[in-house]
Amino acid sequence: MPRVTFVTDSTAYIPPDLAAKYDIKVAPQALIWGEEQFLDGVTITPAEFYAKLKTSDIMPTTSEVNLGTFQGILEPLVAQGRPVVMMLLSSKLSGTIESAQRAKAMFPGARIEIVDSESTAMALGFQILAAARAAEAGKSFEEVLAVAHAGKDFTGVLFVVDTLEFLHRGGRIGGAAKLLGTALNLKPVLELRDGRVEPIERVRTKAKALARMLDVLDERLAGRKPIRLAVIHAAAEDEARAVLETAKQRFAPVEAFVTDASPVVGNHAGPGTVGIAYSFGV
């Protein structure tokens, strides 16, 4: 059977070396900034995005991967007879899956499966990598697809934002809306739960919120191993690296790294956000 190919979107922000190793195709989300349009992580990098955000009088908006982009990725794969698994960010956060479904319909008879990760960032990334490793190990397409669908059960993402304003403005605030109006010195600890942003609690000071985030991670992991971790940040690299070092000492992950939040994710979470994506048992 031809090798399974995986397609995801740029919010996963899988490190380039891993995306190349497993031949994961990445469809960029769109960032619209006034009269300009950028491709997430392609024509605008995280560093460029956060630098521009500091001085811009116009706030950017985002748009899902368009039909043409997915069509361009799928066309050569279908021509080669490659089975495709499309693993994409939560349908409760974006219309990307609807766009993927329209693209799939253009290739009747092709073996294309679409999986709603109910997540984003490296929680989505870990789901894809687990499925890609299963494919590399010689698992059947059905077995690989089962790993992909189970991904939301062994991954998650927790995060601390400096302000809820960006989530609120972008319409991605979910159940965390109840925390709007919180005093500025209270920092929300949030998570993606069932595909939506949900609050865990409010903590006084960001340092204590980041420490609490690791306590919640301990609860979510419940002693299960192996553990894989990715600390995600939006223009907060020093804080992210400090969180990673603490997490490595505390949880002894088999894989751990720091990654930027893509411009589209950063646009909704806001500068200063630090999160941790995790995977266990695979």
Protein backbone atom coordinates (compact mmCIF):
# COMPACT_ATOMS: atom_id res chain seq x y z
CA MET A 1 0.00 0.00 0.00
CA PRO A 2 1.35 3.51 -0.80
CA ARG A 3 2.54 5.45 2.19
CA VAL A 4 -0.11 7.37 4.13
CA THR A 5 0.29 11.11 3.81
CA PHE A 6 -0.83 13.47 6.57
CA VAL A 7 -2.20 16.94 5.95
CA THR A 8 -2.69 19.49 8.72
CA ASP A 9 -2.99 23.25 9.07
CA SER A 10 -0.46 25.80 10.28
CA THR A 11 -1.93 26.16 13.76
CA ALA A 12 -0.36 22.79 14.65
CA TYR A 13 3.05 24.45 14.27
CA ILE A 14 4.92 21.15 14.21
CA PRO A 15 8.70 21.79 14.28
CA PRO A 16 9.96 21.80 10.67
CA ASP A 17 12.36 18.90 11.19
CA LEU A 18 9.53 16.63 12.38
CA ALA A 19 7.19 17.75 9.59
CA ALA A 20 9.93 16.95 7.07
CA LYS A 21 10.78 13.60 8.67
CA TYR A 22 7.21 12.34 8.43
CA ASP A 23 6.36 14.18 5.19
CA ILE A 24 3.50 16.09 6.83
CA LYS A 25 1.89 18.60 4.49
CA VAL A 26 0.95 21.90 6.13
CA ALA A 27 -1.84 24.12 4.77
CA PRO A 28 -1.40 27.72 5.93
CA GLN A 29 -4.21 29.62 7.56
CA ALA A 30 -4.71 33.22 6.42
CA LEU A 31 -4.07 36.40 8.38
CA ILE A 32 -5.80 39.53 7.07
CA TRP A 33 -4.25 42.81 8.11
CA GLY A 34 -6.02 45.82 6.63
CA GLU A 35 -5.45 45.59 2.88
CA GLU A 36 -2.75 42.93 3.24
CA GLN A 37 -3.14 39.18 3.48
CA PHE A 38 -0.46 36.88 4.88
CA LEU A 39 -0.08 33.10 4.95
CA ASP A 40 0.43 31.86 8.49
CA GLY A 41 4.07 30.94 9.04
CA VAL A 42 4.86 31.30 5.31
CA THR A 43 4.72 34.97 4.36
CA ILE A 44 4.72 36.13 7.99
CA THR A 45 6.70 34.51 10.79
CA PRO A 46 5.81 34.66 14.48
CA ALA A 47 8.62 37.18 15.14
CA GLU A 48 7.43 39.42 12.29
CA PHE A 49 3.82 39.13 13.45
CA TYR A 50 4.47 40.17 17.06
CA ALA A 51 6.78 43.02 16.01
CA LYS A 52 4.12 44.37 13.62
CA LEU A 53 1.38 43.94 16.23
CA LYS A 54 3.22 46.28 18.62
CA THR A 55 3.07 49.22 16.24
CA SER A 56 -0.07 48.58 14.19
CA ASP A 57 -3.17 50.72 14.59
CA ILE A 58 -5.19 48.02 12.79
CA MET A 59 -5.95 44.71 14.44
CA PRO A 60 -5.65 41.66 12.13
CA THR A 61 -8.32 39.05 11.56
CA THR A 62 -7.97 35.43 10.50
CA SER A 63 -9.49 33.18 7.86
CA GLU A 64 -9.50 29.41 7.48
CA VAL A 65 -7.44 27.54 4.88
CA ASN A 66 -9.16 28.13 1.56
CA LEU A 67 -10.44 25.52 -0.85
CA GLY A 68 -7.74 26.18 -3.45
CA THR A 69 -4.94 25.56 -0.96
CA PHE A 70 -6.33 22.20 0.05
CA GLN A 71 -6.99 21.32 -3.59
CA GLY A 72 -3.38 22.12 -4.49
CA ILE A 73 -2.08 19.84 -1.72
CA LEU A 74 -4.44 16.95 -2.45
CA GLU A 75 -4.17 16.89 -6.25
CA PRO A 76 -0.67 15.36 -6.57
CA LEU A 77 -1.27 12.97 -3.65
CA VAL A 78 -4.44 11.62 -5.23
CA ALA A 79 -2.65 11.33 -8.60
CA GLN A 80 -0.01 9.17 -6.89
CA GLY A 81 -2.67 6.98 -5.30
CA ARG A 82 -1.61 8.03 -1.82
CA PRO A 83 -4.14 7.56 1.02
CA VAL A 84 -4.52 10.81 2.95
CA VAL A 85 -5.43 11.60 6.55
CA MET A 86 -6.30 15.26 7.13
CA MET A 87 -5.97 16.15 10.82
CA LEU A 88 -7.10 19.71 11.49
CA LEU A 89 -7.82 22.16 14.26
CA SER A 90 -11.08 22.03 16.18
CA SER A 91 -14.22 22.65 14.13
CA LYS A 92 -15.46 24.70 17.10
CA LEU A 93 -12.63 27.19 16.55
CA SER A 94 -12.51 27.43 12.76
CA GLY A 95 -14.21 26.61 9.48
CA THR A 96 -11.10 24.81 8.25
CA ILE A 97 -12.70 21.36 8.40
CA GLU A 98 -15.63 22.58 6.27
CA SER A 99 -13.10 23.81 3.69
CA ALA A 100 -11.35 20.41 3.81
CA GLN A 101 -14.64 18.61 3.25
CA ARG A 102 -15.32 20.71 0.16
CA ALA A 103 -11.84 19.88 -1.12
CA LYS A 104 -12.33 16.16 -0.48
CA ALA A 105 -15.55 16.23 -2.51
CA MET A 106 -13.49 17.29 -5.53
CA PHE A 107 -11.76 13.89 -5.55
CA PRO A 108 -14.52 11.27 -5.56
CA GLY A 109 -13.18 7.78 -5.01
CA ALA A 110 -9.91 8.96 -3.45
CA ARG A 111 -9.01 7.63 -0.01
CA ILE A 112 -9.15 10.83 2.04
CA GLU A 113 -10.19 10.85 5.69
CA ILE A 114 -10.78 14.02 7.72
CA VAL A 115 -10.22 14.01 11.48
CA ASP A 116 -11.41 16.75 13.84
CA SER A 117 -8.65 16.99 16.46
CA GLU A 118 -10.87 19.05 18.79
CA SER A 119 -7.63 20.87 19.54
CA THR A 120 -4.90 23.07 18.08
CA ALA A 121 -1.22 23.99 18.55
CA MET A 122 1.09 21.10 19.46
CA ALA A 123 -1.76 19.11 21.01
CA LEU A 124 -2.89 18.75 17.39
CA GLY A 125 0.75 18.26 16.44
CA PHE A 126 1.20 15.36 18.87
CA GLN A 127 -1.94 13.71 17.49
CA ILE A 128 -0.53 13.87 13.97
CA LEU A 129 2.90 12.64 15.05
CA ALA A 130 1.37 9.65 16.86
CA ALA A 131 -0.53 8.67 13.71
CA ALA A 132 2.52 9.28 11.51
CA ARG A 133 4.68 7.09 13.73
CA ALA A 134 2.06 4.35 13.54
CA ALA A 135 2.21 4.57 9.74
CA GLU A 136 6.00 4.47 9.78
CA ALA A 137 5.82 1.34 11.95
CA GLY A 138 3.89 -0.40 9.17
CA LYS A 139 0.38 -0.22 10.63
CA SER A 140 -2.52 -0.57 8.20
CA PHE A 141 -4.47 2.46 7.03
CA GLU A 142 -7.35 1.46 9.31
CA GLU A 143 -5.00 1.16 12.30
CA VAL A 144 -3.39 4.50 11.54
CA LEU A 145 -6.83 6.11 11.24
CA ALA A 146 -7.84 4.63 14.60
CA VAL A 147 -4.78 6.27 16.21
CA ALA A 148 -5.73 9.56 14.56
CA HIS A 149 -9.31 9.44 15.84
CA ALA A 150 -8.15 8.51 19.35
CA GLY A 151 -5.77 11.47 19.49
CA LYS A 152 -8.06 13.76 21.45
CA ASP A 153 -8.12 11.16 24.25
CA PHE A 154 -4.35 11.22 24.86
CA THR A 155 -3.48 14.87 24.22
CA GLY A 156 -4.38 18.26 25.63
CA VAL A 157 -3.28 21.86 25.92
CA LEU A 158 -3.25 24.19 28.93
CA PHE A 159 -2.38 27.87 28.73
CA VAL A 160 -2.12 31.15 30.58
CA VAL A 161 -2.98 34.43 28.85
CA ASP A 162 -2.00 37.95 29.84
CA THR A 163 -5.49 39.15 28.94
CA LEU A 164 -8.74 37.60 27.71
CA GLU A 165 -9.28 40.51 25.32
CA PHE A 166 -7.76 38.77 22.29
CA LEU A 167 -9.83 35.60 22.74
CA HIS A 168 -12.93 37.72 23.25
CA ARG A 169 -12.28 39.94 20.23
CA GLY A 170 -11.69 36.94 17.97
CA GLY A 171 -14.79 35.08 19.14
CA ARG A 172 -12.78 32.11 20.47
CA ILE A 173 -13.35 32.73 24.16
CA GLY A 174 -15.81 29.85 24.70
CA GLY A 175 -16.62 29.12 28.34
CA ALA A 176 -13.87 31.49 29.49
CA ALA A 177 -16.28 34.38 28.80
CA LYS A 178 -17.39 34.10 32.41
CA LEU A 179 -13.96 35.42 33.45
CA LEU A 180 -14.23 38.66 31.46
CA GLY A 181 -13.81 41.65 33.71
CA THR A 182 -11.36 39.81 35.95
CA ALA A 183 -8.92 42.12 37.71
CA LEU A 184 -5.74 42.61 35.65
CA ASN A 185 -3.55 41.02 38.30
CA LEU A 186 -5.57 37.79 38.16
CA LYS A 187 -4.35 35.52 35.39
CA PRO A 188 -6.67 32.87 33.92
CA VAL A 189 -5.49 29.28 33.55
CA LEU A 190 -7.36 27.87 30.54
CA GLU A 191 -7.54 24.68 28.51
CA LEU A 192 -9.03 23.35 25.33
CA ARG A 193 -11.81 20.98 26.36
CA ASP A 194 -14.07 19.26 23.83
CA GLY A 195 -12.69 21.61 21.20
CA ARG A 196 -13.49 24.86 23.03
CA VAL A 197 -11.59 27.23 25.31
CA GLU A 198 -12.68 26.58 28.88
CA PRO A 199 -11.53 28.12 32.18
CA ILE A 200 -9.84 26.17 34.95
CA GLU A 201 -9.29 28.91 37.51
CA ARG A 202 -7.93 32.41 38.13
CA VAL A 203 -4.60 32.83 39.86
CA ARG A 204 -2.95 35.93 41.30
CA THR A 205 0.16 36.82 39.24
CA LYS A 206 1.40 35.19 36.08
CA ALA A 207 4.21 33.30 37.81
CA LYS A 208 1.72 31.58 40.09
CA ALA A 209 -0.58 30.89 37.13
CA LEU A 210 2.25 29.15 35.24
CA ALA A 211 3.06 27.10 38.34
CA ARG A 212 -0.61 26.17 38.68
CA MET A 213 -0.67 25.19 35.01
CA LEU A 214 1.99 22.56 35.75
CA ASP A 215 0.00 21.30 38.74
CA VAL A 216 -3.03 20.86 36.48
CA LEU A 217 -0.81 19.08 33.96
CA ASP A 218 0.20 16.65 36.70
CA GLU A 219 -3.49 15.96 37.33
CA ARG A 220 -4.18 15.44 33.61
CA LEU A 221 -1.26 13.06 33.16
CA ALA A 222 -2.19 10.99 36.23
CA GLY A 223 1.11 9.12 36.15
CA ARG A 224 0.65 7.84 32.59
CA LYS A 225 3.74 7.45 30.41
CA PRO A 226 5.48 8.02 28.06
CA ILE A 227 4.99 11.77 28.14
CA ARG A 228 5.66 14.26 25.35
CA LEU A 229 5.57 18.00 26.01
CA ALA A 230 5.73 21.20 23.99
CA VAL A 231 5.72 24.61 25.62
CA ILE A 232 4.08 27.13 23.30
CA HIS A 233 4.56 30.87 23.60
CA ALA A 234 3.43 34.10 21.97
CA ALA A 235 6.42 36.44 22.22
CA ALA A 236 7.30 35.08 25.68
CA GLU A 237 10.28 32.82 24.98
CA ASP A 238 12.11 33.34 28.29
CA GLU A 239 9.03 32.36 30.31
CA ALA A 240 8.42 29.41 27.98
CA ARG A 241 11.95 28.05 28.39
CA ALA A 242 11.72 28.37 32.16
CA VAL A 243 8.43 26.43 32.13
CA LEU A 244 10.00 23.77 29.91
CA GLU A 245 12.97 23.25 32.22
CA THR A 246 10.68 22.89 35.25
CA ALA A 247 8.41 20.50 33.34
CA LYS A 248 11.35 18.36 32.19
CA GLN A 249 12.60 17.96 35.73
CA ARG A 250 9.13 17.20 37.06
CA PHE A 251 7.74 14.88 34.38
CA ALA A 252 10.79 13.35 32.61
CA PRO A 253 9.23 13.48 29.13
CA VAL A 254 10.64 11.36 26.29
CA GLU A 255 10.23 14.36 23.98
CA ALA A 256 10.11 18.05 24.92
CA PHE A 257 10.66 21.32 23.14
CA VAL A 258 9.62 24.98 22.90
CA THR A 259 7.65 26.21 19.91
CA ASP A 260 6.23 29.57 18.87
CA ALA A 261 2.51 30.06 18.61
CA SER A 262 1.76 30.60 14.94
CA PRO A 263 0.61 34.13 14.00
CA VAL A 264 -3.01 32.93 13.66
CA VAL A 265 -2.96 31.27 17.12
CA GLY A 266 -1.13 34.27 18.60
CA ASN A 267 -3.69 36.62 17.13
CA HIS A 268 -6.41 34.93 19.19
CA ALA A 269 -4.43 34.16 22.36
CA GLY A 270 -2.52 37.44 22.48
CA PRO A 271 1.12 38.34 23.17
CA GLY A 272 2.50 36.99 26.43
CA THR A 273 0.54 33.74 26.27
CA VAL A 274 2.40 30.65 27.50
CA GLY A 275 0.91 27.19 27.18
CA ILE A 276 1.88 23.56 27.39
CA ALA A 277 0.67 20.85 25.03
CA TYR A 278 0.98 17.26 26.17
CA SER A 279 0.65 13.69 24.99
CA PHE A 280 0.75 10.52 27.05
CA GLY A 281 0.79 6.80 26.47
CA VAL A 282 2.09 6.76 22.87
